[in-house]
């Protein structure tokens, strides 16, 4: 049985996580997908308050908000309809902006005792009913990403770093965004693809002595001479 599809005239989504979680990349790719879909949009990147802040800390939270609609819009929006929080620090920093009834998607794998302590939580907000005013979806993004990449030749740490792409895929599915452009981007950005392009690049032509002299003297006689086709005609 197919799930019902709700038609919306506008959506505001905020991606939030650690400065190393790739939130700017995730938001940028979602923006590109939305632009290809033909929606009007406005974005607001939110960079960390500190450079190289400790992982999981409040000053190290990075965010990206996108507001898109089927009509003309002028701002990236104030309060998001959806908040994607990759860790407790991202939740604590951005929850105040999510209105009651908003949708909250959290990476439940990141809500361990250590990360909760870094974010200043004395109890797990996923368990103490402090989020009852929101539509909360606990998604184990980290473990799902590792499971999805188990047959790929990458380390566990490298697989964990791809959880932002899993979140992007989830949001693209929820809001019916095209993913072909992102798949092409990932393929072209992979180290294996870059090595292949270097191997297939045509060899450069040998540089002659006259060409070297021309490079060394950019203001040659020919370059200083005005072109007859561009010179004004006397009247």
Protein backbone atom coordinates (compact mmCIF):
# COMPACT_ATOMS: atom_id res chain seq x y z
CA UNK A 1 0.00 0.00 0.00
CA UNK A 2 1.47 3.32 -1.09
CA UNK A 3 1.85 6.04 1.49
CA UNK A 4 -0.15 9.25 0.94
CA UNK A 5 1.80 12.17 -0.49
CA UNK A 6 1.16 15.59 1.01
CA UNK A 7 1.45 18.59 -1.29
CA UNK A 8 3.25 21.57 0.31
CA UNK A 9 3.63 25.07 -1.09
CA UNK A 10 6.85 25.75 0.86
CA UNK A 11 9.32 23.98 3.15
CA UNK A 12 12.13 25.20 5.43
CA UNK A 13 14.73 22.56 6.32
CA UNK A 14 17.75 23.00 8.57
CA UNK A 15 20.65 20.54 8.59
CA UNK A 16 22.77 20.79 11.75
CA UNK A 17 25.75 18.82 13.01
CA UNK A 18 29.42 18.95 13.90
CA UNK A 19 31.75 21.10 11.83
CA UNK A 20 33.16 17.85 10.41
CA UNK A 21 29.79 16.27 9.60
CA UNK A 22 29.57 17.88 6.15
CA UNK A 23 26.45 19.94 6.73
CA UNK A 24 27.49 22.59 4.19
CA UNK A 25 28.01 19.90 1.56
CA UNK A 26 24.71 18.24 2.44
CA UNK A 27 22.81 21.51 2.25
CA UNK A 28 24.57 22.48 -0.96
CA UNK A 29 23.64 19.22 -2.66
CA UNK A 30 20.03 19.46 -1.48
CA UNK A 31 19.97 23.01 -2.84
CA UNK A 32 21.24 21.83 -6.23
CA UNK A 33 18.61 19.09 -6.34
CA UNK A 34 15.89 21.61 -5.49
CA UNK A 35 17.11 24.07 -8.14
CA UNK A 36 17.00 21.31 -10.77
CA UNK A 37 13.46 20.55 -9.67
CA UNK A 38 12.51 24.13 -10.58
CA UNK A 39 11.58 25.51 -7.15
CA UNK A 40 12.40 29.03 -6.04
CA UNK A 41 14.79 28.92 -3.08
CA UNK A 42 16.91 30.84 -0.60
CA UNK A 43 19.67 29.47 1.64
CA UNK A 44 21.49 30.43 4.83
CA UNK A 45 24.79 28.68 5.71
CA UNK A 46 25.60 28.84 9.43
CA UNK A 47 29.29 28.25 10.13
CA UNK A 48 30.71 27.20 13.53
CA UNK A 49 31.38 29.86 16.14
CA UNK A 50 34.91 28.56 16.70
CA UNK A 51 37.61 27.30 14.35
CA UNK A 52 38.49 23.67 15.11
CA UNK A 53 36.13 23.49 18.08
CA UNK A 54 36.13 20.15 19.93
CA UNK A 55 33.94 17.52 18.29
CA UNK A 56 30.49 17.37 19.83
CA UNK A 57 30.75 20.78 21.49
CA UNK A 58 28.21 23.59 21.20
CA UNK A 59 30.60 26.13 19.55
CA UNK A 60 31.45 23.56 16.86
CA UNK A 61 27.93 23.20 15.49
CA UNK A 62 27.55 23.90 11.78
CA UNK A 63 24.23 24.37 10.02
CA UNK A 64 22.63 24.97 6.65
CA UNK A 65 19.05 26.16 6.14
CA UNK A 66 17.15 26.08 2.88
CA UNK A 67 13.75 27.60 2.18
CA UNK A 68 12.14 26.54 -1.09
CA UNK A 69 8.66 26.99 -2.51
CA UNK A 70 6.46 26.79 -5.58
CA UNK A 71 6.25 30.60 -5.59
CA UNK A 72 8.67 33.51 -5.33
CA UNK A 73 10.42 33.81 -1.95
CA UNK A 74 12.87 36.41 -0.68
CA UNK A 75 14.38 35.03 2.55
CA UNK A 76 15.78 31.71 3.86
CA UNK A 77 13.06 31.74 6.50
CA UNK A 78 13.10 32.16 10.27
CA UNK A 79 11.77 29.00 11.92
CA UNK A 80 12.44 25.69 10.15
CA UNK A 81 9.67 23.19 9.53
CA UNK A 82 12.19 20.34 9.75
CA UNK A 83 15.37 20.07 11.81
CA UNK A 84 17.91 17.37 11.04
CA UNK A 85 20.19 17.06 14.10
CA UNK A 86 23.25 14.88 13.71
CA UNK A 87 24.25 14.98 17.41
CA UNK A 88 23.10 16.31 20.82
CA UNK A 89 25.01 19.59 20.42
CA UNK A 90 23.20 20.31 17.15
CA UNK A 91 19.87 19.56 18.81
CA UNK A 92 20.56 21.78 21.82
CA UNK A 93 21.76 24.68 19.67
CA UNK A 94 18.88 24.66 17.19
CA UNK A 95 15.86 23.26 19.02
CA UNK A 96 14.78 26.72 20.22
CA UNK A 97 14.13 27.72 16.59
CA UNK A 98 11.89 24.73 15.83
CA UNK A 99 8.24 25.62 16.54
CA UNK A 100 5.99 23.15 18.37
CA UNK A 101 4.62 20.60 15.95
CA UNK A 102 7.75 20.76 13.81
CA UNK A 103 9.48 17.67 12.50
CA UNK A 104 12.69 16.57 14.21
CA UNK A 105 15.00 13.96 12.67
CA UNK A 106 17.88 12.94 14.93
CA UNK A 107 20.84 10.63 14.53
CA UNK A 108 20.04 8.39 17.50
CA UNK A 109 23.48 6.72 17.32
CA UNK A 110 25.12 9.97 18.43
CA UNK A 111 23.08 10.30 21.64
CA UNK A 112 25.51 8.47 23.88
CA UNK A 113 26.61 9.52 27.34
CA UNK A 114 29.79 11.25 26.17
CA UNK A 115 28.10 13.38 23.51
CA UNK A 116 25.23 14.25 25.85
CA UNK A 117 27.72 15.47 28.43
CA UNK A 118 29.57 17.60 25.88
CA UNK A 119 26.29 19.24 24.88
CA UNK A 120 25.36 19.98 28.49
CA UNK A 121 22.52 17.49 28.81
CA UNK A 122 22.02 15.85 32.20
CA UNK A 123 19.57 13.35 30.69
CA UNK A 124 18.89 12.00 27.21
CA UNK A 125 16.27 14.29 25.58
CA UNK A 126 15.09 11.35 23.49
CA UNK A 127 14.00 9.59 26.65
CA UNK A 128 12.90 12.26 29.16
CA UNK A 129 9.86 13.48 27.17
CA UNK A 130 11.26 16.97 26.60
CA UNK A 131 10.60 16.54 22.88
CA UNK A 132 6.91 15.63 23.17
CA UNK A 133 5.88 18.83 21.39
CA UNK A 134 7.60 17.74 18.18
CA UNK A 135 7.24 14.98 15.64
CA UNK A 136 10.44 13.09 16.47
CA UNK A 137 11.98 10.49 14.18
CA UNK A 138 14.95 8.66 15.70
CA UNK A 139 17.08 7.35 12.84
CA UNK A 140 20.35 5.46 13.51
CA UNK A 141 22.13 7.27 10.69
CA UNK A 142 25.63 6.15 11.64
CA UNK A 143 24.91 2.43 11.93
CA UNK A 144 22.71 2.44 8.82
CA UNK A 145 25.51 4.08 6.84
CA UNK A 146 28.08 1.55 8.05
CA UNK A 147 25.73 -1.29 7.14
CA UNK A 148 25.11 0.18 3.68
CA UNK A 149 28.87 0.41 3.02
CA UNK A 150 29.87 -2.99 4.45
CA UNK A 151 30.70 -4.33 0.98
CA UNK A 152 32.69 -1.23 -0.02
CA UNK A 153 36.45 -1.12 0.48
CA UNK A 154 36.48 1.63 3.13
CA UNK A 155 37.33 1.68 6.82
CA UNK A 156 34.65 1.96 9.50
CA UNK A 157 35.75 5.53 10.22
CA UNK A 158 35.48 6.45 6.55
CA UNK A 159 32.03 4.88 6.41
CA UNK A 160 30.90 6.89 9.45
CA UNK A 161 31.94 10.10 7.71
CA UNK A 162 29.42 9.35 4.95
CA UNK A 163 26.40 9.60 7.27
CA UNK A 164 25.69 13.08 5.93
CA UNK A 165 25.05 11.55 2.51
CA UNK A 166 22.65 9.06 4.10
CA UNK A 167 20.82 11.99 5.68
CA UNK A 168 20.76 13.73 2.30
CA UNK A 169 19.29 10.63 0.65
CA UNK A 170 16.66 10.37 3.38
CA UNK A 171 15.57 13.98 2.97
CA UNK A 172 15.64 13.71 -0.83
CA UNK A 173 13.31 10.72 -0.58
CA UNK A 174 10.98 12.43 1.89
CA UNK A 175 10.64 15.55 -0.26
CA UNK A 176 10.85 13.93 -3.70
CA UNK A 177 14.08 15.58 -4.80
CA UNK A 178 16.00 14.26 -7.84
CA UNK A 179 19.26 12.54 -6.90
CA UNK A 180 20.94 11.96 -10.26
CA UNK A 181 23.05 15.10 -9.98
CA UNK A 182 24.30 14.13 -6.52
CA UNK A 183 25.16 10.61 -7.67
CA UNK A 184 27.19 12.08 -10.54
CA UNK A 185 28.88 14.49 -8.12
CA UNK A 186 29.86 11.64 -5.77
CA UNK A 187 31.20 9.54 -8.64
CA UNK A 188 33.32 12.37 -10.02
CA UNK A 189 34.57 13.35 -6.56
CA UNK A 190 35.82 9.89 -5.61
CA UNK A 191 39.64 9.43 -5.54
CA UNK A 192 39.35 6.50 -7.97
CA UNK A 193 37.52 8.69 -10.48
CA UNK A 194 40.14 11.46 -10.18
CA UNK A 195 42.96 8.97 -10.77
CA UNK A 196 41.15 7.65 -13.83
CA UNK A 197 40.74 11.15 -15.27
CA UNK A 198 44.45 11.85 -14.77
CA UNK A 199 45.36 8.65 -16.63
CA UNK A 200 43.08 9.45 -19.57
CA UNK A 201 44.12 13.09 -19.87
CA UNK A 202 45.77 13.83 -23.22
CA UNK A 203 49.52 14.52 -23.01
CA UNK A 204 50.46 18.14 -23.41
CA UNK A 205 52.27 19.28 -26.55
CA UNK A 206 56.00 19.93 -26.24
CA UNK A 207 56.89 23.56 -25.57
CA UNK A 208 59.12 25.04 -28.26
CA UNK A 209 61.85 27.62 -27.64
CA UNK A 210 59.84 30.39 -29.29
CA UNK A 211 56.80 29.54 -27.14
CA UNK A 212 58.93 29.77 -24.01
CA UNK A 213 60.20 33.21 -25.08
CA UNK A 214 56.62 34.36 -25.68
CA UNK A 215 55.59 33.19 -22.21
CA UNK A 216 58.51 35.02 -20.64
CA UNK A 217 57.56 38.26 -22.43
CA UNK A 218 53.79 38.76 -22.11
CA UNK A 219 53.93 42.30 -23.52
CA UNK A 220 55.12 41.35 -26.97
CA UNK A 221 55.06 43.73 -29.95
CA UNK A 222 52.02 41.99 -31.36
CA UNK A 223 50.01 42.29 -28.15
CA UNK A 224 50.72 46.04 -27.93
CA UNK A 225 49.69 46.76 -31.51
CA UNK A 226 46.01 47.80 -31.75
CA UNK A 227 43.79 45.62 -33.88
CA UNK A 228 42.59 47.31 -37.05
CA UNK A 229 39.16 45.76 -36.56
CA UNK A 230 38.79 47.35 -33.13
CA UNK A 231 40.33 50.76 -33.95
CA UNK A 232 37.84 53.66 -34.45
CA UNK A 233 37.36 54.86 -38.01
CA UNK A 234 38.24 58.50 -38.76
CA UNK A 235 35.36 60.60 -40.05
